C-alpha atoms as a PDB file:
ATOM      1  CA  UNK A   1      17.118  56.490 -77.979  1.00  0.00           C
ATOM      2  CA  UNK A   2      19.213  55.995 -74.968  1.00  0.00           C
ATOM      3  CA  UNK A   3      17.694  53.509 -72.589  1.00  0.00           C
ATOM      4  CA  UNK A   4      20.084  53.342 -69.705  1.00  0.00           C
ATOM      5  CA  UNK A   5      19.926  54.049 -65.951  1.00  0.00           C
ATOM      6  CA  UNK A   6      18.357  50.594 -65.650  1.00  0.00           C
ATOM      7  CA  UNK A   7      19.125  49.896 -62.044  1.00  0.00           C
ATOM      8  CA  UNK A   8      15.933  51.597 -60.928  1.00  0.00           C
ATOM      9  CA  UNK A   9      14.145  51.173 -64.260  1.00  0.00           C
ATOM     10  CA  UNK A  10      12.672  54.586 -65.162  1.00  0.00           C
ATOM     11  CA  UNK A  11      13.127  55.472 -68.822  1.00  0.00           C
ATOM     12  CA  UNK A  12      15.843  57.782 -70.024  1.00  0.00           C
ATOM     13  CA  UNK A  13      13.321  60.479 -70.819  1.00  0.00           C
ATOM     14  CA  UNK A  14      13.130  61.082 -67.045  1.00  0.00           C
ATOM     15  CA  UNK A  15      16.898  61.382 -66.821  1.00  0.00           C
ATOM     16  CA  UNK A  16      17.040  63.919 -69.651  1.00  0.00           C
ATOM     17  CA  UNK A  17      14.308  66.265 -68.414  1.00  0.00           C
ATOM     18  CA  UNK A  18      15.672  69.656 -67.389  1.00  0.00           C
ATOM     19  CA  UNK A  19      13.855  69.756 -64.050  1.00  0.00           C
ATOM     20  CA  UNK A  20      15.242  71.144 -60.792  1.00  0.00           C
ATOM     21  CA  UNK A  21      15.908  68.884 -57.835  1.00  0.00           C
ATOM     22  CA  UNK A  22      14.573  70.609 -54.742  1.00  0.00           C
ATOM     23  CA  UNK A  23      14.596  69.830 -51.051  1.00  0.00           C
ATOM     24  CA  UNK A  24      12.135  67.126 -50.109  1.00  0.00           C
ATOM     25  CA  UNK A  25      10.733  68.337 -46.838  1.00  0.00           C
ATOM     26  CA  UNK A  26       7.290  69.896 -47.013  1.00  0.00           C
ATOM     27  CA  UNK A  27       6.679  69.253 -50.712  1.00  0.00           C
ATOM     28  CA  UNK A  28       3.612  67.392 -51.901  1.00  0.00           C
ATOM     29  CA  UNK A  29       4.465  64.226 -53.796  1.00  0.00           C
ATOM     30  CA  UNK A  30       7.772  63.960 -51.964  1.00  0.00           C
ATOM     31  CA  UNK A  31       6.589  62.272 -48.796  1.00  0.00           C
ATOM     32  CA  UNK A  32       8.648  59.818 -46.764  1.00  0.00           C
ATOM     33  CA  UNK A  33       7.310  57.029 -44.645  1.00  0.00           C
ATOM     34  CA  UNK A  34       7.544  57.577 -40.879  1.00  0.00           C
ATOM     35  CA  UNK A  35      10.773  55.637 -40.575  1.00  0.00           C
ATOM     36  CA  UNK A  36      12.303  57.239 -43.672  1.00  0.00           C
ATOM     37  CA  UNK A  37      11.344  60.710 -42.421  1.00  0.00           C
ATOM     38  CA  UNK A  38      13.050  59.938 -39.127  1.00  0.00           C
ATOM     39  CA  UNK A  39      16.192  58.900 -40.988  1.00  0.00           C
ATOM     40  CA  UNK A  40      16.114  61.943 -43.275  1.00  0.00           C
ATOM     41  CA  UNK A  41      15.382  64.468 -40.533  1.00  0.00           C
ATOM     42  CA  UNK A  42      18.607  63.969 -38.629  1.00  0.00           C
ATOM     43  CA  UNK A  43      22.164  63.093 -39.456  1.00  0.00           C
ATOM     44  CA  UNK A  44      22.236  59.317 -39.080  1.00  0.00           C
ATOM     45  CA  UNK A  45      24.731  57.501 -36.940  1.00  0.00           C
ATOM     46  CA  UNK A  46      27.000  54.824 -38.311  1.00  0.00           C
ATOM     47  CA  UNK A  47      24.552  52.205 -37.065  1.00  0.00           C
ATOM     48  CA  UNK A  48      21.835  53.489 -39.392  1.00  0.00           C
ATOM     49  CA  UNK A  49      24.062  54.080 -42.437  1.00  0.00           C
ATOM     50  CA  UNK A  50      22.893  50.963 -44.266  1.00  0.00           C
ATOM     51  CA  UNK A  51      19.284  51.705 -43.321  1.00  0.00           C
ATOM     52  CA  UNK A  52      19.552  55.183 -44.842  1.00  0.00           C
ATOM     53  CA  UNK A  53      21.015  53.784 -48.054  1.00  0.00           C
ATOM     54  CA  UNK A  54      18.245  51.193 -48.171  1.00  0.00           C
ATOM     55  CA  UNK A  55      15.601  53.866 -47.633  1.00  0.00           C
ATOM     56  CA  UNK A  56      17.136  55.875 -50.453  1.00  0.00           C
ATOM     57  CA  UNK A  57      17.077  52.847 -52.742  1.00  0.00           C
ATOM     58  CA  UNK A  58      13.394  52.360 -51.921  1.00  0.00           C
ATOM     59  CA  UNK A  59      12.646  55.963 -52.867  1.00  0.00           C
ATOM     60  CA  UNK A  60      14.565  55.509 -56.117  1.00  0.00           C
ATOM     61  CA  UNK A  61      12.445  52.472 -56.937  1.00  0.00           C
ATOM     62  CA  UNK A  62       9.313  54.559 -56.323  1.00  0.00           C
ATOM     63  CA  UNK A  63      10.572  57.340 -58.588  1.00  0.00           C
ATOM     64  CA  UNK A  64      10.799  59.854 -55.734  1.00  0.00           C
ATOM     65  CA  UNK A  65      14.241  61.155 -56.634  1.00  0.00           C
ATOM     66  CA  UNK A  66      14.341  64.287 -54.424  1.00  0.00           C
ATOM     67  CA  UNK A  67      13.559  62.159 -51.363  1.00  0.00           C
ATOM     68  CA  UNK A  68      16.226  59.672 -52.380  1.00  0.00           C
ATOM     69  CA  UNK A  69      18.746  62.496 -52.823  1.00  0.00           C
ATOM     70  CA  UNK A  70      18.034  63.753 -49.299  1.00  0.00           C
ATOM     71  CA  UNK A  71      18.669  60.315 -47.845  1.00  0.00           C
ATOM     72  CA  UNK A  72      21.852  59.736 -49.835  1.00  0.00           C
ATOM     73  CA  UNK A  73      23.186  63.149 -48.797  1.00  0.00           C
ATOM     74  CA  UNK A  74      22.639  62.156 -45.176  1.00  0.00           C
ATOM     75  CA  UNK A  75      24.427  58.865 -45.732  1.00  0.00           C
ATOM     76  CA  UNK A  76      27.342  60.792 -47.220  1.00  0.00           C
ATOM     77  CA  UNK A  77      27.653  62.843 -44.026  1.00  0.00           C
ATOM     78  CA  UNK A  78      28.272  59.615 -42.108  1.00  0.00           C
ATOM     79  CA  UNK A  79      30.738  58.064 -44.570  1.00  0.00           C
ATOM     80  CA  UNK A  80      32.245  61.049 -46.418  1.00  0.00           C
ATOM     81  CA  UNK A  81      35.190  58.938 -47.519  1.00  0.00           C
ATOM     82  CA  UNK A  82      33.000  56.376 -49.313  1.00  0.00           C
ATOM     83  CA  UNK A  83      32.060  56.494 -53.006  1.00  0.00           C
ATOM     84  CA  UNK A  84      28.805  54.548 -52.642  1.00  0.00           C
ATOM     85  CA  UNK A  85      26.516  57.257 -51.185  1.00  0.00           C
ATOM     86  CA  UNK A  86      27.856  59.801 -53.668  1.00  0.00           C
ATOM     87  CA  UNK A  87      27.312  57.419 -56.565  1.00  0.00           C
ATOM     88  CA  UNK A  88      23.737  56.802 -55.451  1.00  0.00           C
ATOM     89  CA  UNK A  89      23.239  60.544 -54.987  1.00  0.00           C
ATOM     90  CA  UNK A  90      24.523  61.120 -58.502  1.00  0.00           C
ATOM     91  CA  UNK A  91      21.898  58.803 -59.971  1.00  0.00           C
ATOM     92  CA  UNK A  92      19.156  60.413 -57.880  1.00  0.00           C
ATOM     93  CA  UNK A  93      20.145  63.851 -59.177  1.00  0.00           C
ATOM     94  CA  UNK A  94      20.441  62.625 -62.754  1.00  0.00           C
ATOM     95  CA  UNK A  95      17.019  60.978 -62.681  1.00  0.00           C
ATOM     96  CA  UNK A  96      15.615  64.090 -61.053  1.00  0.00           C
ATOM     97  CA  UNK A  97      16.726  66.244 -63.968  1.00  0.00           C
ATOM     98  CA  UNK A  98      19.967  67.799 -62.699  1.00  0.00           C
ATOM     99  CA  UNK A  99      22.697  66.217 -64.849  1.00  0.00           C
ATOM    100  CA  UNK A 100      25.196  69.046 -64.303  1.00  0.00           C
ATOM    101  CA  UNK A 101      25.060  68.678 -60.524  1.00  0.00           C
ATOM    102  CA  UNK A 102      25.050  64.893 -60.888  1.00  0.00           C
ATOM    103  CA  UNK A 103      28.223  64.976 -62.979  1.00  0.00           C
ATOM    104  CA  UNK A 104      30.067  66.814 -60.216  1.00  0.00           C
ATOM    105  CA  UNK A 105      28.831  64.311 -57.639  1.00  0.00           C
ATOM    106  CA  UNK A 106      29.986  61.390 -59.799  1.00  0.00           C
ATOM    107  CA  UNK A 107      33.410  63.043 -60.116  1.00  0.00           C
ATOM    108  CA  UNK A 108      33.547  63.305 -56.338  1.00  0.00           C
ATOM    109  CA  UNK A 109      32.701  59.618 -56.079  1.00  0.00           C
ATOM    110  CA  UNK A 110      35.489  58.773 -58.533  1.00  0.00           C
ATOM    111  CA  UNK A 111      37.931  60.869 -56.516  1.00  0.00           C
ATOM    112  CA  UNK A 112      37.216  58.454 -53.655  1.00  0.00           C
ATOM    113  CA  UNK A 113      37.164  55.296 -55.779  1.00  0.00           C
ATOM    114  CA  UNK A 114      38.583  55.589 -59.285  1.00  0.00           C
ATOM    115  CA  UNK A 115      37.674  51.947 -59.941  1.00  0.00           C
ATOM    116  CA  UNK A 116      33.927  52.396 -59.448  1.00  0.00           C
ATOM    117  CA  UNK A 117      32.275  51.179 -62.646  1.00  0.00           C
ATOM    118  CA  UNK A 118      28.924  52.540 -61.410  1.00  0.00           C
ATOM    119  CA  UNK A 119      30.301  56.055 -60.953  1.00  0.00           C
ATOM    120  CA  UNK A 120      32.029  55.903 -64.349  1.00  0.00           C
ATOM    121  CA  UNK A 121      28.790  54.824 -66.019  1.00  0.00           C
ATOM    122  CA  UNK A 122      26.860  57.507 -64.163  1.00  0.00           C
ATOM    123  CA  UNK A 123      29.315  60.179 -65.267  1.00  0.00           C
ATOM    124  CA  UNK A 124      29.023  58.943 -68.844  1.00  0.00           C
ATOM    125  CA  UNK A 125      25.243  59.162 -68.630  1.00  0.00           C
ATOM    126  CA  UNK A 126      25.314  62.727 -67.374  1.00  0.00           C
ATOM    127  CA  UNK A 127      27.790  63.815 -70.043  1.00  0.00           C
ATOM    128  CA  UNK A 128      25.464  62.399 -72.698  1.00  0.00           C
ATOM    129  CA  UNK A 129      22.550  64.244 -71.100  1.00  0.00           C
ATOM    130  CA  UNK A 130      24.629  67.441 -71.151  1.00  0.00           C
ATOM    131  CA  UNK A 131      25.280  67.056 -74.876  1.00  0.00           C
ATOM    132  CA  UNK A 132      28.900  65.891 -74.540  1.00  0.00           C
ATOM    133  CA  UNK A 133      28.872  62.375 -76.037  1.00  0.00           C
ATOM    134  CA  UNK A 134      32.544  62.523 -77.059  1.00  0.00           C
ATOM    135  CA  UNK A 135      33.533  63.126 -73.431  1.00  0.00           C
ATOM    136  CA  UNK A 136      31.217  60.337 -72.273  1.00  0.00           C
ATOM    137  CA  UNK A 137      32.811  57.656 -74.462  1.00  0.00           C
ATOM    138  CA  UNK A 138      36.064  57.229 -72.446  1.00  0.00           C
ATOM    139  CA  UNK A 139      34.040  57.105 -69.223  1.00  0.00           C
ATOM    140  CA  UNK A 140      31.917  54.252 -70.557  1.00  0.00           C
ATOM    141  CA  UNK A 141      34.987  52.424 -71.830  1.00  0.00           C
ATOM    142  CA  UNK A 142      36.620  52.705 -68.415  1.00  0.00           C
ATOM    143  CA  UNK A 143      33.414  51.345 -66.855  1.00  0.00           C
ATOM    144  CA  UNK A 144      33.441  48.389 -69.245  1.00  0.00           C
ATOM    145  CA  UNK A 145      37.061  47.647 -68.354  1.00  0.00           C
ATOM    146  CA  UNK A 146      35.911  47.201 -64.754  1.00  0.00           C
ATOM    147  CA  UNK A 147      32.487  45.604 -65.347  1.00  0.00           C
ATOM    148  CA  UNK A 148      32.371  44.071 -68.844  1.00  0.00           C
ATOM    149  CA  UNK A 149      29.130  42.176 -68.142  1.00  0.00           C
ATOM    150  CA  UNK A 150      27.012  45.277 -67.408  1.00  0.00           C
ATOM    151  CA  UNK A 151      24.669  45.689 -70.382  1.00  0.00           C
ATOM    152  CA  UNK A 152      23.704  49.181 -69.215  1.00  0.00           C
ATOM    153  CA  UNK A 153      27.168  50.459 -70.053  1.00  0.00           C
ATOM    154  CA  UNK A 154      26.864  49.106 -73.597  1.00  0.00           C
ATOM    155  CA  UNK A 155      23.593  51.002 -73.920  1.00  0.00           C
ATOM    156  CA  UNK A 156      25.227  54.231 -72.815  1.00  0.00           C
ATOM    157  CA  UNK A 157      28.353  53.795 -74.934  1.00  0.00           C
ATOM    158  CA  UNK A 158      26.330  52.936 -78.027  1.00  0.00           C
ATOM    159  CA  UNK A 159      24.075  55.929 -77.488  1.00  0.00           C
ATOM    160  CA  UNK A 160      27.105  58.216 -77.095  1.00  0.00           C
ATOM    161  CA  UNK A 161      28.451  57.015 -80.445  1.00  0.00           C
ATOM    162  CA  UNK A 162      25.030  57.472 -82.062  1.00  0.00           C
ATOM    163  CA  UNK A 163      24.754  61.008 -80.704  1.00  0.00           C
ATOM    164  CA  UNK A 164      28.271  61.733 -81.942  1.00  0.00           C
ATOM    165  CA  UNK A 165      27.151  60.610 -85.414  1.00  0.00           C
ATOM    166  CA  UNK A 166      29.218  57.403 -85.549  1.00  0.00           C
ATOM    167  CA  UNK A 167      26.420  54.903 -86.125  1.00  0.00           C
ATOM    168  CA  UNK A 168      28.764  52.108 -87.232  1.00  0.00           C
ATOM    169  CA  UNK A 169      30.634  52.298 -83.921  1.00  0.00           C
ATOM    170  CA  UNK A 170      27.325  52.427 -82.046  1.00  0.00           C
ATOM    171  CA  UNK A 171      26.054  49.311 -83.758  1.00  0.00           C
ATOM    172  CA  UNK A 172      29.273  47.427 -82.978  1.00  0.00           C
ATOM    173  CA  UNK A 173      28.823  48.352 -79.306  1.00  0.00           C
ATOM    174  CA  UNK A 174      25.186  47.214 -79.247  1.00  0.00           C
ATOM    175  CA  UNK A 175      26.213  43.921 -80.826  1.00  0.00           C
ATOM    176  CA  UNK A 176      28.859  43.469 -78.131  1.00  0.00           C
ATOM    177  CA  UNK A 177      26.207  44.165 -75.525  1.00  0.00           C
ATOM    178  CA  UNK A 178      23.916  41.576 -77.060  1.00  0.00           C
ATOM    179  CA  UNK A 179      26.708  39.019 -76.723  1.00  0.00           C
ATOM    180  CA  UNK A 180      26.471  39.692 -72.980  1.00  0.00           C
ATOM    181  CA  UNK A 181      22.652  40.006 -72.787  1.00  0.00           C
ATOM    182  CA  UNK A 182      21.265  38.301 -75.925  1.00  0.00           C
ATOM    183  CA  UNK A 183      17.583  38.925 -75.202  1.00  0.00           C
ATOM    184  CA  UNK A 184      17.808  42.474 -73.931  1.00  0.00           C
ATOM    185  CA  UNK A 185      15.068  44.432 -75.673  1.00  0.00           C
ATOM    186  CA  UNK A 186      16.662  47.815 -75.001  1.00  0.00           C
ATOM    187  CA  UNK A 187      19.866  46.842 -76.777  1.00  0.00           C
ATOM    188  CA  UNK A 188      17.839  45.439 -79.681  1.00  0.00           C
ATOM    189  CA  UNK A 189      15.740  48.615 -79.752  1.00  0.00           C
ATOM    190  CA  UNK A 190      18.776  50.884 -79.822  1.00  0.00           C
ATOM    191  CA  UNK A 191      20.461  48.756 -82.469  1.00  0.00           C
ATOM    192  CA  UNK A 192      17.408  48.989 -84.722  1.00  0.00           C
ATOM    193  CA  UNK A 193      17.160  52.753 -84.304  1.00  0.00           C
ATOM    194  CA  UNK A 194      20.888  53.142 -84.930  1.00  0.00           C
ATOM    195  CA  UNK A 195      20.581  51.196 -88.168  1.00  0.00           C
ATOM    196  CA  UNK A 196      17.722  53.412 -89.254  1.00  0.00           C
ATOM    197  CA  UNK A 197      19.589  56.616 -88.393  1.00  0.00           C
ATOM    198  CA  UNK A 198      22.685  55.269 -90.127  1.00  0.00           C
ATOM    199  CA  UNK A 199      20.834  54.867 -93.420  1.00  0.00           C
ATOM    200  CA  UNK A 200      19.947  51.148 -93.287  1.00  0.00           C
ATOM    201  CA  UNK A 201      16.271  51.979 -92.996  1.00  0.00           C
ATOM    202  CA  UNK A 202      14.667  48.630 -93.854  1.00  0.00           C
ATOM    203  CA  UNK A 203      16.917  46.690 -91.491  1.00  0.00           C
ATOM    204  CA  UNK A 204      16.275  49.234 -88.762  1.00  0.00           C
ATOM    205  CA  UNK A 205      12.504  49.096 -89.216  1.00  0.00           C
ATOM    206  CA  UNK A 206      12.545  45.291 -89.200  1.00  0.00           C
ATOM    207  CA  UNK A 207      14.533  45.224 -85.954  1.00  0.00           C
ATOM    208  CA  UNK A 208      12.292  47.807 -84.293  1.00  0.00           C
ATOM    209  CA  UNK A 209       9.177  45.966 -85.448  1.00  0.00           C
ATOM    210  CA  UNK A 210      10.535  42.773 -83.898  1.00  0.00           C
ATOM    211  CA  UNK A 211      11.086  44.537 -80.559  1.00  0.00           C
ATOM    212  CA  UNK A 212       7.716  46.325 -80.615  1.00  0.00           C
ATOM    213  CA  UNK A 213       5.830  43.100 -81.288  1.00  0.00           C
ATOM    214  CA  UNK A 214       7.597  41.081 -78.604  1.00  0.00           C
ATOM    215  CA  UNK A 215       6.069  40.209 -75.256  1.00  0.00           C
ATOM    216  CA  UNK A 216       6.726  42.946 -72.719  1.00  0.00           C
ATOM    217  CA  UNK A 217       7.363  45.677 -75.289  1.00  0.00           C
ATOM    218  CA  UNK A 218       7.081  49.158 -73.826  1.00  0.00           C
ATOM    219  CA  UNK A 219       5.102  52.114 -75.106  1.00  0.00           C
ATOM    220  CA  UNK A 220       8.366  53.927 -75.847  1.00  0.00           C
ATOM    221  CA  UNK A 221       9.577  51.043 -77.993  1.00  0.00           C
ATOM    222  CA  UNK A 222       6.302  51.018 -79.926  1.00  0.00           C
ATOM    223  CA  UNK A 223       6.386  54.776 -80.405  1.00  0.00           C
ATOM    224  CA  UNK A 224       9.944  54.591 -81.761  1.00  0.00           C
ATOM    225  CA  UNK A 225       8.621  52.252 -84.442  1.00  0.00           C
ATOM    226  CA  UNK A 226       5.741  54.671 -85.060  1.00  0.00           C
ATOM    227  CA  UNK A 227       8.292  57.432 -85.580  1.00  0.00           C
ATOM    228  CA  UNK A 228      10.456  55.605 -88.098  1.00  0.00           C
ATOM    229  CA  UNK A 229       7.418  54.326 -90.005  1.00  0.00           C
ATOM    230  CA  UNK A 230       6.049  57.863 -90.259  1.00  0.00           C
ATOM    231  CA  UNK A 231       9.455  59.222 -91.255  1.00  0.00           C
ATOM    232  CA  UNK A 232       9.508  56.621 -94.028  1.00  0.00           C
ATOM    233  CA  UNK A 233       6.094  57.736 -95.280  1.00  0.00           C
ATOM    234  CA  UNK A 234       4.178  54.725 -93.954  1.00  0.00           C
ATOM    235  CA  UNK A 235       1.622  56.792 -92.115  1.00  0.00           C
ATOM    236  CA  UNK A 236      -1.258  54.309 -92.215  1.00  0.00           C
ATOM    237  CA  UNK A 237       0.722  51.655 -90.373  1.00  0.00           C
ATOM    238  CA  UNK A 238       2.202  54.299 -88.070  1.00  0.00           C
ATOM    239  CA  UNK A 239      -1.265  55.556 -87.096  1.00  0.00           C
ATOM    240  CA  UNK A 240      -2.553  52.072 -86.345  1.00  0.00           C
ATOM    241  CA  UNK A 241       0.364  51.337 -84.052  1.00  0.00           C
ATOM    242  CA  UNK A 242       0.336  54.759 -82.394  1.00  0.00           C
ATOM    243  CA  UNK A 243      -3.321  54.283 -81.427  1.00  0.00           C
ATOM    244  CA  UNK A 244      -2.301  51.351 -79.237  1.00  0.00           C
ATOM    245  CA  UNK A 245      -0.909  53.808 -76.661  1.00  0.00           C
ATOM    246  CA  UNK A 246      -2.222  57.258 -77.598  1.00  0.00           C
ATOM    247  CA  UNK A 247      -5.547  59.030 -77.913  1.00  0.00           C
ATOM    248  CA  UNK A 248      -6.624  60.233 -81.403  1.00  0.00           C
ATOM    249  CA  UNK A 249      -5.549  63.843 -80.787  1.00  0.00           C
ATOM    250  CA  UNK A 250      -2.069  62.750 -79.726  1.00  0.00           C
ATOM    251  CA  UNK A 251      -1.807  60.413 -82.711  1.00  0.00           C
ATOM    252  CA  UNK A 252      -2.632  63.266 -85.098  1.00  0.00           C
ATOM    253  CA  UNK A 253      -0.178  65.609 -83.372  1.00  0.00           C
ATOM    254  CA  UNK A 254       2.662  63.080 -83.472  1.00  0.00           C
ATOM    255  CA  UNK A 255       2.105  62.101 -87.088  1.00  0.00           C
ATOM    256  CA  UNK A 256       2.036  65.769 -88.098  1.00  0.00           C
ATOM    257  CA  UNK A 257       5.313  66.320 -86.242  1.00  0.00           C
ATOM    258  CA  UNK A 258       6.954  63.357 -87.990  1.00  0.00           C
ATOM    259  CA  UNK A 259       5.681  64.636 -91.327  1.00  0.00           C
ATOM    260  CA  UNK A 260       7.395  67.950 -90.593  1.00  0.00           C
ATOM    261  CA  UNK A 261      10.645  66.144 -89.754  1.00  0.00           C
ATOM    262  CA  UNK A 262      10.385  64.166 -92.969  1.00  0.00           C
ATOM    263  CA  UNK A 263      10.208  67.429 -94.906  1.00  0.00           C
ATOM    264  CA  UNK A 264      13.374  68.905 -93.398  1.00  0.00           C
ATOM    265  CA  UNK A 265      16.150  69.156 -95.966  1.00  0.00           C
ATOM    266  CA  UNK A 266      18.978  69.646 -93.480  1.00  0.00           C
ATOM    267  CA  UNK A 267      20.061  66.236 -92.055  1.00  0.00           C
ATOM    268  CA  UNK A 268      21.388  67.890 -88.892  1.00  0.00           C
ATOM    269  CA  UNK A 269      18.052  69.577 -88.195  1.00  0.00           C
ATOM    270  CA  UNK A 270      16.237  66.327 -88.914  1.00  0.00           C
ATOM    271  CA  UNK A 271      18.383  64.407 -86.433  1.00  0.00           C
ATOM    272  CA  UNK A 272      17.967  67.169 -83.851  1.00  0.00           C
ATOM    273  CA  UNK A 273      14.180  66.915 -84.154  1.00  0.00           C
ATOM    274  CA  UNK A 274      14.317  63.135 -83.808  1.00  0.00           C
ATOM    275  CA  UNK A 275      16.458  63.432 -80.685  1.00  0.00           C
ATOM    276  CA  UNK A 276      14.027  65.934 -79.196  1.00  0.00           C
ATOM    277  CA  UNK A 277      11.208  63.425 -79.587  1.00  0.00           C
ATOM    278  CA  UNK A 278      13.261  60.535 -78.228  1.00  0.00           C
ATOM    279  CA  UNK A 279      14.383  62.503 -75.163  1.00  0.00           C
ATOM    280  CA  UNK A 280      10.844  63.301 -74.070  1.00  0.00           C
ATOM    281  CA  UNK A 281       8.917  60.404 -75.565  1.00  0.00           C
ATOM    282  CA  UNK A 282       6.449  62.936 -76.992  1.00  0.00           C
ATOM    283  CA  UNK A 283       6.246  65.813 -79.428  1.00  0.00           C
ATOM    284  CA  UNK A 284       8.215  68.716 -77.911  1.00  0.00           C
ATOM    285  CA  UNK A 285       6.191  71.742 -76.854  1.00  0.00           C
ATOM    286  CA  UNK A 286       6.592  74.615 -79.276  1.00  0.00           C
END
């Protein structure tokens, strides 16, 4: 549901996974280039500070978050008074599946620069990931006060309201975001899902169908539409769309899971099951 952390463009499902960030050195799949390894192996001097940050950004773009965290930690040793390396480290930890540690790092960044919209947004993201949407809302609002054109903050704030159960507030936020970024598919996706969760099912399905059929639609956006179609009992259409991205076994498993959700009588349990699917982008393991 929440599609934020867009600076480096992995989906939110990565940010919400409860994985452990470990040291990079010696681990397969966490390899640095020769120059990056040289930068990460020793405490960099002030002359290489920008190079270390750049190397960390490159690792973030590749999805190698432990390696990025190592580089940003080293940059922090050179400029311990600066918020930037801590903010970058916070995002690396959050993407790597350590939101609790990331939240503390973002707080440290804000101690150094209370006006950092990036650190505020990052802290909001981690609070959402930790199941504290009510605490995230003021962080997002403070970020918007400082950077009102950042659509990513609207995504986070809207998601926090949705997770807190205030779908009307969430939809107002997404609409405000669309005034800033009118063609943003993630805002349109979240708005459609919020409408569906808020009880306006036909409007929500129509909006999600529009996003899923647009050029550049992602598998996650299509599978959100699959979910709401199945939850509405439209399994034939849901199966046809699901098969665009999934193998037959996965299609059957997902449709069966959505059928189970549809049968839940407790709205809270139903929403919890929907969130579990949205967080991982797949049927949760039993």
